[in-house]
């Protein structure tokens, strides 16, 4: 689950080179310390072998010619259909959500909001890519000792598109513990 949290949301965010939209009114930066304190309350995953999957739920690029939009959508859908498996060691499981937070801290992302307790998590982040494009990543999910389910929304402005068009992607990511590592 930890690797799922670290790989899928951040991987999806990196696929879009960080999404873009403004934070919602009333939201403000949440410190890494506040995020870490809340994340301590989340269920820790059990060590073992996990499989992960991602499903594209929605994909929109307003203003892009249909042929280009369909081609780009098929690339993302193909990537989202891939399944991965990994072994989560006891040491990684003991860290719980800490690995995800370390990944965020290494990137150029700011939490606009973050809520976590027991088995629920929700977040709204603004991230910047190396070209200076800022974007928005939101996710809500449920954590279990034997897996997780996250729904993520990503928005990013499309350079050169009229009217500040934005790519919008909504994905569902799931992880499931298969058993002990082989």
N, C-alpha and C. Protein backbone atom coordinates (compact mmCIF):
# COMPACT_ATOMS: atom_id res chain seq x y z
N UNK A 1 0.83 -1.18 0.00
CA UNK A 1 0.00 0.00 0.00
C UNK A 1 0.87 1.24 0.00
N UNK A 2 1.93 1.26 0.81
CA UNK A 2 2.81 2.41 0.85
C UNK A 2 3.38 2.69 -0.53
N UNK A 3 3.87 1.63 -1.19
CA UNK A 3 4.42 1.85 -2.52
C UNK A 3 3.33 2.29 -3.48
N UNK A 4 2.12 1.78 -3.34
CA UNK A 4 1.03 2.23 -4.18
C UNK A 4 0.81 3.71 -3.99
N UNK A 5 0.79 4.14 -2.75
CA UNK A 5 0.59 5.56 -2.49
C UNK A 5 1.73 6.38 -3.05
N UNK A 6 2.92 5.87 -2.94
CA UNK A 6 4.07 6.62 -3.44
C UNK A 6 4.16 6.58 -4.95
N UNK A 7 3.86 5.46 -5.55
CA UNK A 7 4.05 5.31 -6.99
C UNK A 7 2.87 5.83 -7.79
N UNK A 8 1.67 5.40 -7.48
CA UNK A 8 0.55 5.75 -8.34
C UNK A 8 0.17 7.22 -8.30
N UNK A 9 -0.12 7.79 -7.15
CA UNK A 9 -0.48 9.21 -7.19
C UNK A 9 0.65 10.08 -7.71
N UNK A 10 1.85 9.85 -7.26
CA UNK A 10 2.94 10.69 -7.73
C UNK A 10 3.27 10.39 -9.17
N UNK A 11 3.18 9.13 -9.56
CA UNK A 11 3.43 8.80 -10.95
C UNK A 11 2.41 9.46 -11.85
N UNK A 12 1.16 9.43 -11.45
CA UNK A 12 0.13 10.10 -12.24
C UNK A 12 0.37 11.60 -12.26
N UNK A 13 0.77 12.14 -11.14
CA UNK A 13 1.06 13.58 -11.10
C UNK A 13 2.23 13.90 -12.02
N UNK A 14 3.25 13.07 -12.02
CA UNK A 14 4.39 13.31 -12.89
C UNK A 14 4.02 13.11 -14.35
N UNK A 15 3.11 12.17 -14.65
CA UNK A 15 2.68 11.98 -16.03
C UNK A 15 2.12 13.27 -16.59
N UNK A 16 1.44 14.01 -15.76
CA UNK A 16 0.87 15.27 -16.20
C UNK A 16 1.82 16.44 -15.99
N UNK A 17 3.00 16.17 -15.50
CA UNK A 17 3.98 17.22 -15.19
C UNK A 17 3.38 18.22 -14.23
N UNK A 18 2.61 17.73 -13.32
CA UNK A 18 1.90 18.50 -12.31
C UNK A 18 0.72 19.21 -12.94
N UNK A 19 -0.42 19.07 -12.34
CA UNK A 19 -1.65 19.60 -12.89
C UNK A 19 -1.77 21.06 -12.57
N UNK A 20 -2.78 21.76 -13.16
CA UNK A 20 -2.85 23.17 -12.84
C UNK A 20 -4.26 23.66 -12.68
N UNK A 21 -4.48 24.27 -11.56
CA UNK A 21 -5.65 25.08 -11.26
C UNK A 21 -5.37 25.72 -9.93
N UNK A 22 -6.14 26.69 -9.59
CA UNK A 22 -5.90 27.41 -8.35
C UNK A 22 -6.49 26.62 -7.18
N UNK A 23 -5.89 26.74 -5.98
CA UNK A 23 -6.47 26.09 -4.81
C UNK A 23 -7.85 26.66 -4.53
N UNK A 24 -8.69 25.87 -3.90
CA UNK A 24 -10.03 26.32 -3.57
C UNK A 24 -9.97 27.41 -2.51
N UNK A 25 -10.98 28.29 -2.53
CA UNK A 25 -11.07 29.36 -1.54
C UNK A 25 -11.08 28.78 -0.13
N UNK A 26 -10.39 29.45 0.76
CA UNK A 26 -10.36 29.02 2.15
C UNK A 26 -9.26 28.03 2.44
N UNK A 27 -8.69 27.45 1.42
CA UNK A 27 -7.58 26.53 1.62
C UNK A 27 -6.29 27.33 1.70
N UNK A 28 -5.34 26.80 2.37
CA UNK A 28 -4.04 27.43 2.45
C UNK A 28 -3.01 26.36 2.62
N UNK A 29 -1.75 26.71 2.52
CA UNK A 29 -0.72 25.70 2.67
C UNK A 29 -0.81 24.98 4.02
N UNK A 30 -0.62 23.69 3.99
CA UNK A 30 -0.59 22.86 5.19
C UNK A 30 0.87 22.44 5.36
N UNK A 31 1.42 22.63 6.53
CA UNK A 31 2.83 22.33 6.75
C UNK A 31 3.09 20.82 6.67
N UNK A 32 4.33 20.47 6.32
CA UNK A 32 4.72 19.06 6.28
C UNK A 32 4.55 18.43 7.67
N UNK A 33 4.78 19.22 8.71
CA UNK A 33 4.63 18.70 10.07
C UNK A 33 3.18 18.35 10.36
N UNK A 34 2.23 19.21 9.93
CA UNK A 34 0.81 18.92 10.12
C UNK A 34 0.40 17.68 9.33
N UNK A 35 0.90 17.58 8.10
CA UNK A 35 0.60 16.41 7.27
C UNK A 35 1.14 15.15 7.94
N UNK A 36 2.38 15.21 8.41
CA UNK A 36 3.00 14.05 9.06
C UNK A 36 2.23 13.65 10.31
N UNK A 37 1.80 14.63 11.09
CA UNK A 37 1.06 14.35 12.33
C UNK A 37 -0.26 13.63 12.01
N UNK A 38 -0.98 14.12 11.00
CA UNK A 38 -2.24 13.46 10.64
C UNK A 38 -2.01 12.08 10.03
N UNK A 39 -0.95 11.97 9.23
CA UNK A 39 -0.67 10.70 8.55
C UNK A 39 -0.34 9.59 9.54
N UNK A 40 0.18 9.97 10.71
CA UNK A 40 0.48 8.96 11.74
C UNK A 40 -0.78 8.21 12.16
N UNK A 41 -1.95 8.83 11.97
CA UNK A 41 -3.21 8.22 12.37
C UNK A 41 -3.74 7.19 11.37
N UNK A 42 -3.12 7.11 10.20
CA UNK A 42 -3.59 6.16 9.19
C UNK A 42 -3.20 4.73 9.53
N UNK A 43 -4.01 3.81 9.08
CA UNK A 43 -3.71 2.39 9.21
C UNK A 43 -2.40 2.11 8.47
N UNK A 44 -1.55 1.29 9.07
CA UNK A 44 -0.32 0.88 8.40
C UNK A 44 -0.58 -0.38 7.59
N UNK A 45 0.06 -0.50 6.45
CA UNK A 45 -0.13 -1.70 5.63
C UNK A 45 0.60 -2.90 6.22
N UNK A 46 0.13 -4.07 5.90
CA UNK A 46 0.82 -5.29 6.30
C UNK A 46 1.93 -5.57 5.29
N UNK A 47 3.06 -6.09 5.75
CA UNK A 47 4.11 -6.47 4.79
C UNK A 47 3.59 -7.57 3.87
N UNK A 48 4.15 -7.63 2.68
CA UNK A 48 3.77 -8.70 1.77
C UNK A 48 3.80 -8.25 0.32
N UNK A 49 3.35 -9.15 -0.55
CA UNK A 49 3.30 -8.86 -1.98
C UNK A 49 1.96 -8.22 -2.31
N UNK A 50 2.01 -7.14 -3.08
CA UNK A 50 0.82 -6.40 -3.48
C UNK A 50 0.73 -6.30 -4.99
N UNK A 51 -0.49 -6.23 -5.49
CA UNK A 51 -0.69 -5.88 -6.89
C UNK A 51 -1.44 -4.55 -6.91
N UNK A 52 -1.16 -3.75 -7.92
CA UNK A 52 -1.82 -2.46 -8.07
C UNK A 52 -2.45 -2.37 -9.44
N UNK A 53 -3.52 -1.60 -9.53
CA UNK A 53 -4.16 -1.35 -10.82
C UNK A 53 -4.69 0.07 -10.82
N UNK A 54 -4.85 0.60 -12.03
CA UNK A 54 -5.36 1.96 -12.18
C UNK A 54 -6.38 1.95 -13.31
N UNK A 55 -7.51 2.61 -13.08
CA UNK A 55 -8.58 2.70 -14.07
C UNK A 55 -8.84 4.17 -14.39
N UNK A 56 -8.84 4.51 -15.68
CA UNK A 56 -9.17 5.86 -16.10
C UNK A 56 -10.68 6.01 -16.04
N UNK A 57 -11.18 6.95 -15.23
CA UNK A 57 -12.61 7.15 -15.07
C UNK A 57 -13.13 8.29 -15.93
N UNK A 58 -12.28 9.30 -16.18
CA UNK A 58 -12.70 10.45 -16.98
C UNK A 58 -11.45 11.09 -17.57
N UNK A 59 -11.58 11.63 -18.77
CA UNK A 59 -10.47 12.28 -19.45
C UNK A 59 -11.04 13.34 -20.37
N UNK A 60 -10.65 14.59 -20.18
CA UNK A 60 -11.17 15.69 -20.99
C UNK A 60 -10.05 16.65 -21.36
N UNK A 61 -10.09 17.11 -22.63
CA UNK A 61 -9.19 18.18 -23.09
C UNK A 61 -10.03 19.12 -23.96
N UNK A 62 -10.72 20.08 -23.35
CA UNK A 62 -11.54 21.01 -24.13
C UNK A 62 -10.69 21.80 -25.13
N UNK A 63 -11.22 21.93 -26.34
CA UNK A 63 -10.55 22.75 -27.36
C UNK A 63 -9.52 22.02 -28.20
N UNK A 64 -9.15 20.82 -27.83
CA UNK A 64 -8.16 20.07 -28.62
C UNK A 64 -8.90 19.33 -29.73
N UNK A 65 -8.34 19.30 -30.94
CA UNK A 65 -8.98 18.53 -32.01
C UNK A 65 -9.22 17.09 -31.57
N UNK A 66 -10.36 16.54 -31.99
CA UNK A 66 -10.77 15.20 -31.55
C UNK A 66 -9.71 14.14 -31.77
N UNK A 67 -9.07 14.14 -32.93
CA UNK A 67 -8.08 13.11 -33.23
C UNK A 67 -6.91 13.17 -32.24
N UNK A 68 -6.44 14.36 -31.94
CA UNK A 68 -5.33 14.51 -30.99
C UNK A 68 -5.77 14.12 -29.59
N UNK A 69 -6.97 14.55 -29.19
CA UNK A 69 -7.47 14.23 -27.85
C UNK A 69 -7.62 12.72 -27.68
N UNK A 70 -8.16 12.03 -28.69
CA UNK A 70 -8.33 10.58 -28.61
C UNK A 70 -6.99 9.86 -28.55
N UNK A 71 -6.00 10.37 -29.30
CA UNK A 71 -4.67 9.75 -29.27
C UNK A 71 -4.05 9.89 -27.89
N UNK A 72 -4.13 11.08 -27.31
CA UNK A 72 -3.57 11.32 -25.98
C UNK A 72 -4.32 10.49 -24.93
N UNK A 73 -5.64 10.44 -25.06
CA UNK A 73 -6.43 9.65 -24.12
C UNK A 73 -6.04 8.18 -24.19
N UNK A 74 -5.81 7.66 -25.38
CA UNK A 74 -5.45 6.24 -25.49
C UNK A 74 -4.10 5.96 -24.84
N UNK A 75 -3.17 6.92 -24.92
CA UNK A 75 -1.87 6.74 -24.25
C UNK A 75 -2.07 6.64 -22.75
N UNK A 76 -2.87 7.55 -22.18
CA UNK A 76 -3.11 7.53 -20.74
C UNK A 76 -3.91 6.30 -20.33
N UNK A 77 -4.90 5.90 -21.13
CA UNK A 77 -5.68 4.72 -20.79
C UNK A 77 -4.82 3.46 -20.83
N UNK A 78 -3.92 3.38 -21.80
CA UNK A 78 -3.02 2.23 -21.87
C UNK A 78 -2.13 2.18 -20.63
N UNK A 79 -1.59 3.34 -20.26
CA UNK A 79 -0.75 3.40 -19.06
C UNK A 79 -1.56 3.07 -17.82
N UNK A 80 -2.80 3.54 -17.76
CA UNK A 80 -3.61 3.30 -16.56
C UNK A 80 -4.05 1.85 -16.46
N UNK A 81 -4.07 1.13 -17.56
CA UNK A 81 -4.48 -0.27 -17.53
C UNK A 81 -3.40 -1.22 -17.07
N UNK A 82 -2.19 -0.72 -16.91
CA UNK A 82 -1.09 -1.58 -16.49
C UNK A 82 -1.25 -1.99 -15.03
N UNK A 83 -0.88 -3.22 -14.74
CA UNK A 83 -0.90 -3.71 -13.37
C UNK A 83 0.54 -3.92 -12.93
N UNK A 84 0.82 -3.57 -11.71
CA UNK A 84 2.16 -3.74 -11.15
C UNK A 84 2.05 -4.59 -9.90
N UNK A 85 3.15 -5.23 -9.56
CA UNK A 85 3.21 -5.91 -8.28
C UNK A 85 4.54 -5.56 -7.62
N UNK A 86 4.55 -5.61 -6.31
CA UNK A 86 5.75 -5.28 -5.56
C UNK A 86 5.70 -5.95 -4.21
N UNK A 87 6.86 -6.05 -3.58
CA UNK A 87 6.97 -6.62 -2.25
C UNK A 87 7.18 -5.48 -1.26
N UNK A 88 6.32 -5.37 -0.28
CA UNK A 88 6.44 -4.38 0.78
C UNK A 88 7.11 -5.05 1.97
N UNK A 89 8.31 -4.60 2.31
CA UNK A 89 9.07 -5.22 3.40
C UNK A 89 8.49 -4.81 4.75
N UNK A 90 8.80 -5.56 5.81
CA UNK A 90 8.34 -5.16 7.14
C UNK A 90 8.82 -3.75 7.52
N UNK A 91 10.04 -3.39 7.12
CA UNK A 91 10.55 -2.05 7.44
C UNK A 91 9.75 -0.97 6.73
N UNK A 92 9.40 -1.21 5.46
CA UNK A 92 8.59 -0.24 4.72
C UNK A 92 7.19 -0.14 5.31
N UNK A 93 6.62 -1.28 5.70
CA UNK A 93 5.28 -1.29 6.29
C UNK A 93 5.27 -0.52 7.61
N UNK A 94 6.35 -0.66 8.40
CA UNK A 94 6.43 0.06 9.68
C UNK A 94 6.43 1.57 9.49
N UNK A 95 6.95 2.04 8.35
CA UNK A 95 6.98 3.49 8.08
C UNK A 95 5.58 4.02 7.78
N UNK A 96 4.67 3.15 7.38
CA UNK A 96 3.33 3.59 7.06
C UNK A 96 3.32 4.60 5.93
N UNK A 97 2.72 5.73 6.16
CA UNK A 97 2.53 6.76 5.14
C UNK A 97 3.77 7.64 4.96
N UNK A 98 4.78 7.44 5.80
CA UNK A 98 5.98 8.28 5.79
C UNK A 98 6.67 8.32 4.42
N UNK A 99 6.71 7.20 3.73
CA UNK A 99 7.37 7.15 2.42
C UNK A 99 6.71 8.07 1.41
N UNK A 100 5.39 8.11 1.43
CA UNK A 100 4.65 9.01 0.55
C UNK A 100 5.00 10.46 0.86
N UNK A 101 5.04 10.79 2.14
CA UNK A 101 5.36 12.16 2.54
C UNK A 101 6.77 12.54 2.15
N UNK A 102 7.70 11.60 2.24
CA UNK A 102 9.07 11.87 1.81
C UNK A 102 9.12 12.16 0.32
N UNK A 103 8.35 11.43 -0.47
CA UNK A 103 8.30 11.68 -1.92
C UNK A 103 7.75 13.07 -2.22
N UNK A 104 6.69 13.45 -1.51
CA UNK A 104 6.11 14.78 -1.71
C UNK A 104 7.12 15.85 -1.34
N UNK A 105 7.81 15.66 -0.21
CA UNK A 105 8.78 16.65 0.24
C UNK A 105 9.91 16.82 -0.76
N UNK A 106 10.28 15.75 -1.47
CA UNK A 106 11.34 15.84 -2.47
C UNK A 106 10.87 16.56 -3.72
N UNK A 107 9.59 16.53 -4.02
CA UNK A 107 9.05 17.21 -5.19
C UNK A 107 8.72 18.64 -4.84
N UNK A 108 8.15 19.34 -5.81
CA UNK A 108 7.77 20.73 -5.60
C UNK A 108 6.26 20.80 -5.46
N UNK A 109 5.73 20.21 -4.40
CA UNK A 109 4.29 20.18 -4.15
C UNK A 109 3.99 20.79 -2.79
N UNK A 110 2.86 21.45 -2.71
CA UNK A 110 2.38 22.04 -1.47
C UNK A 110 0.98 21.49 -1.21
N UNK A 111 0.73 21.07 0.01
CA UNK A 111 -0.61 20.63 0.39
C UNK A 111 -1.46 21.85 0.68
N UNK A 112 -2.59 21.98 -0.04
CA UNK A 112 -3.57 23.02 0.26
C UNK A 112 -4.49 22.55 1.37
N UNK A 113 -4.75 21.24 1.39
CA UNK A 113 -5.50 20.62 2.48
C UNK A 113 -5.05 19.17 2.59
N UNK A 114 -5.16 18.63 3.79
CA UNK A 114 -4.80 17.23 4.03
C UNK A 114 -5.57 16.77 5.25
N UNK A 115 -6.31 15.68 5.09
CA UNK A 115 -7.06 15.10 6.19
C UNK A 115 -6.85 13.59 6.18
N UNK A 116 -6.49 13.06 7.34
CA UNK A 116 -6.26 11.63 7.45
C UNK A 116 -6.62 11.16 8.85
N UNK A 117 -7.35 10.06 8.92
CA UNK A 117 -7.63 9.42 10.20
C UNK A 117 -8.07 7.99 9.94
N UNK A 118 -7.56 7.10 10.75
CA UNK A 118 -7.88 5.68 10.65
C UNK A 118 -7.69 5.16 9.23
N UNK A 119 -8.81 5.02 8.50
CA UNK A 119 -8.73 4.42 7.17
C UNK A 119 -9.05 5.40 6.04
N UNK A 120 -9.24 6.67 6.33
CA UNK A 120 -9.62 7.66 5.31
C UNK A 120 -8.52 8.68 5.09
N UNK A 121 -8.36 9.09 3.84
CA UNK A 121 -7.39 10.13 3.50
C UNK A 121 -7.97 11.00 2.38
N UNK A 122 -7.74 12.29 2.47
CA UNK A 122 -8.08 13.20 1.37
C UNK A 122 -7.04 14.30 1.35
N UNK A 123 -6.73 14.77 0.15
CA UNK A 123 -5.71 15.80 0.01
C UNK A 123 -5.98 16.62 -1.23
N UNK A 124 -5.47 17.84 -1.20
CA UNK A 124 -5.50 18.77 -2.32
C UNK A 124 -4.11 19.37 -2.37
N UNK A 125 -3.40 19.15 -3.47
CA UNK A 125 -2.03 19.62 -3.59
C UNK A 125 -1.87 20.49 -4.83
N UNK A 126 -0.99 21.46 -4.73
CA UNK A 126 -0.54 22.22 -5.89
C UNK A 126 0.90 21.82 -6.12
N UNK A 127 1.21 21.43 -7.35
CA UNK A 127 2.56 20.99 -7.69
C UNK A 127 3.10 21.83 -8.85
N UNK A 128 4.41 21.96 -8.89
CA UNK A 128 5.07 22.69 -9.97
C UNK A 128 6.03 21.75 -10.68
N UNK A 129 6.07 21.86 -12.01
CA UNK A 129 7.03 21.05 -12.76
C UNK A 129 8.25 21.89 -13.10
N UNK A 130 9.21 21.28 -13.78
CA UNK A 130 10.46 21.97 -14.08
C UNK A 130 10.28 23.12 -15.06
N UNK A 131 9.19 23.14 -15.83
CA UNK A 131 8.92 24.25 -16.73
C UNK A 131 8.19 25.39 -16.04
N UNK A 132 7.88 25.24 -14.76
CA UNK A 132 7.19 26.29 -14.02
C UNK A 132 5.68 26.22 -14.10
N UNK A 133 5.13 25.17 -14.68
CA UNK A 133 3.69 25.00 -14.73
C UNK A 133 3.21 24.49 -13.38
N UNK A 134 2.23 25.18 -12.81
CA UNK A 134 1.68 24.68 -11.55
C UNK A 134 0.38 23.96 -11.85
N UNK A 135 0.02 23.06 -10.97
CA UNK A 135 -1.18 22.29 -11.21
C UNK A 135 -1.82 21.80 -9.93
N UNK A 136 -2.89 21.07 -10.08
CA UNK A 136 -3.67 20.62 -8.94
C UNK A 136 -3.87 19.11 -8.99
N UNK A 137 -3.65 18.47 -7.85
CA UNK A 137 -3.88 17.04 -7.67
C UNK A 137 -4.75 16.89 -6.43
N UNK A 138 -5.87 16.23 -6.58
CA UNK A 138 -6.75 15.95 -5.43
C UNK A 138 -6.94 14.45 -5.35
N UNK A 139 -6.97 13.93 -4.13
CA UNK A 139 -7.30 12.52 -4.00
C UNK A 139 -8.04 12.26 -2.71
N UNK A 140 -8.90 11.24 -2.78
CA UNK A 140 -9.66 10.74 -1.64
C UNK A 140 -9.54 9.23 -1.67
N UNK A 141 -9.43 8.64 -0.49
CA UNK A 141 -9.30 7.20 -0.50
C UNK A 141 -9.52 6.55 0.83
N UNK A 142 -9.46 5.23 0.77
CA UNK A 142 -9.62 4.38 1.93
C UNK A 142 -8.41 3.46 2.01
N UNK A 143 -7.85 3.36 3.21
CA UNK A 143 -6.70 2.51 3.44
C UNK A 143 -7.12 1.31 4.27
N UNK A 144 -6.48 0.18 3.99
CA UNK A 144 -6.69 -1.03 4.77
C UNK A 144 -5.33 -1.66 5.01
N UNK A 145 -5.25 -2.57 5.94
CA UNK A 145 -3.99 -3.29 6.15
C UNK A 145 -3.62 -4.10 4.92
N UNK A 146 -4.62 -4.51 4.15
CA UNK A 146 -4.35 -5.38 3.00
C UNK A 146 -4.57 -4.70 1.65
N UNK A 147 -4.60 -3.36 1.63
CA UNK A 147 -4.76 -2.67 0.35
C UNK A 147 -5.25 -1.24 0.51
N UNK A 148 -5.57 -0.64 -0.62
CA UNK A 148 -6.06 0.74 -0.61
C UNK A 148 -6.86 1.00 -1.88
N UNK A 149 -7.73 1.99 -1.80
CA UNK A 149 -8.47 2.48 -2.96
C UNK A 149 -8.37 4.00 -2.93
N UNK A 150 -7.88 4.58 -4.01
CA UNK A 150 -7.75 6.04 -4.11
C UNK A 150 -8.40 6.50 -5.41
N UNK A 151 -9.14 7.60 -5.33
CA UNK A 151 -9.64 8.27 -6.53
C UNK A 151 -8.91 9.59 -6.61
N UNK A 152 -8.26 9.83 -7.75
CA UNK A 152 -7.45 11.02 -7.93
C UNK A 152 -7.96 11.84 -9.10
N UNK A 153 -7.99 13.15 -8.91
CA UNK A 153 -8.32 14.08 -9.99
C UNK A 153 -7.10 14.94 -10.26
N UNK A 154 -6.79 15.11 -11.55
CA UNK A 154 -5.63 15.88 -11.96
C UNK A 154 -6.07 16.93 -12.98
N UNK A 155 -5.58 18.14 -12.83
CA UNK A 155 -5.87 19.21 -13.79
C UNK A 155 -4.57 19.90 -14.17
N UNK A 156 -4.44 20.19 -15.48
CA UNK A 156 -3.27 20.90 -15.96
C UNK A 156 -3.64 21.73 -17.18
N UNK A 157 -3.17 22.96 -17.22
CA UNK A 157 -3.37 23.79 -18.39
C UNK A 157 -2.60 23.19 -19.55
N UNK A 158 -3.17 23.35 -20.74
CA UNK A 158 -2.53 22.84 -21.95
C UNK A 158 -1.93 24.03 -22.70
N UNK A 159 -0.60 24.12 -22.76
CA UNK A 159 0.03 25.23 -23.47
C UNK A 159 -0.44 25.29 -24.93
N UNK A 160 -0.71 26.49 -25.39
CA UNK A 160 -1.10 26.68 -26.78
C UNK A 160 -2.57 26.46 -27.06
N UNK A 161 -3.34 26.05 -26.06
CA UNK A 161 -4.76 25.83 -26.27
C UNK A 161 -5.53 27.10 -25.95
N UNK A 162 -6.62 27.35 -26.68
CA UNK A 162 -7.40 28.57 -26.43
C UNK A 162 -8.11 28.53 -25.09
N UNK A 163 -8.39 29.70 -24.58
CA UNK A 163 -9.22 29.86 -23.37
C UNK A 163 -8.69 29.11 -22.16
N UNK A 164 -7.37 29.02 -22.04
CA UNK A 164 -6.79 28.38 -20.85
C UNK A 164 -7.34 26.96 -20.64
N UNK A 165 -7.50 26.21 -21.72
CA UNK A 165 -8.01 24.84 -21.62
C UNK A 165 -7.16 24.02 -20.67
N UNK A 166 -7.82 23.11 -19.98
CA UNK A 166 -7.14 22.25 -19.01
C UNK A 166 -7.41 20.79 -19.31
N UNK A 167 -6.37 19.98 -19.17
CA UNK A 167 -6.55 18.54 -19.18
C UNK A 167 -7.17 18.18 -17.84
N UNK A 168 -8.16 17.32 -17.86
CA UNK A 168 -8.76 16.80 -16.63
C UNK A 168 -8.73 15.28 -16.72
N UNK A 169 -8.18 14.66 -15.70
CA UNK A 169 -8.15 13.20 -15.61
C UNK A 169 -8.65 12.79 -14.24
N UNK A 170 -9.46 11.76 -14.22
CA UNK A 170 -9.91 11.18 -12.96
C UNK A 170 -9.59 9.69 -13.03
N UNK A 171 -8.87 9.21 -12.03
CA UNK A 171 -8.42 7.82 -12.03
C UNK A 171 -8.75 7.16 -10.70
N UNK A 172 -8.99 5.88 -10.77
CA UNK A 172 -9.18 5.07 -9.57
C UNK A 172 -8.00 4.12 -9.47
N UNK A 173 -7.32 4.15 -8.34
CA UNK A 173 -6.15 3.31 -8.13
C UNK A 173 -6.41 2.37 -6.96
N UNK A 174 -6.12 1.11 -7.17
CA UNK A 174 -6.36 0.12 -6.12
C UNK A 174 -5.12 -0.73 -5.91
N UNK A 175 -4.89 -1.10 -4.67
CA UNK A 175 -3.84 -2.06 -4.35
C UNK A 175 -4.46 -3.15 -3.50
N UNK A 176 -3.92 -4.35 -3.64
CA UNK A 176 -4.44 -5.50 -2.90
C UNK A 176 -3.27 -6.39 -2.50
N UNK A 177 -3.26 -6.79 -1.24
CA UNK A 177 -2.22 -7.69 -0.75
C UNK A 177 -2.54 -9.10 -1.25
N UNK A 178 -1.54 -9.74 -1.85
CA UNK A 178 -1.71 -11.08 -2.40
C UNK A 178 -1.27 -12.17 -1.43
N UNK A 179 -0.39 -11.82 -0.51
CA UNK A 179 0.16 -12.79 0.42
C UNK A 179 1.58 -12.39 0.79
N UNK A 180 2.32 -13.35 1.31
CA UNK A 180 3.71 -13.07 1.67
C UNK A 180 4.55 -12.90 0.41
N UNK A 181 5.63 -12.17 0.55
CA UNK A 181 6.57 -11.98 -0.56
C UNK A 181 7.22 -13.32 -0.88
N UNK A 182 7.45 -13.55 -2.16
CA UNK A 182 8.08 -14.82 -2.55
C UNK A 182 9.58 -14.68 -2.68
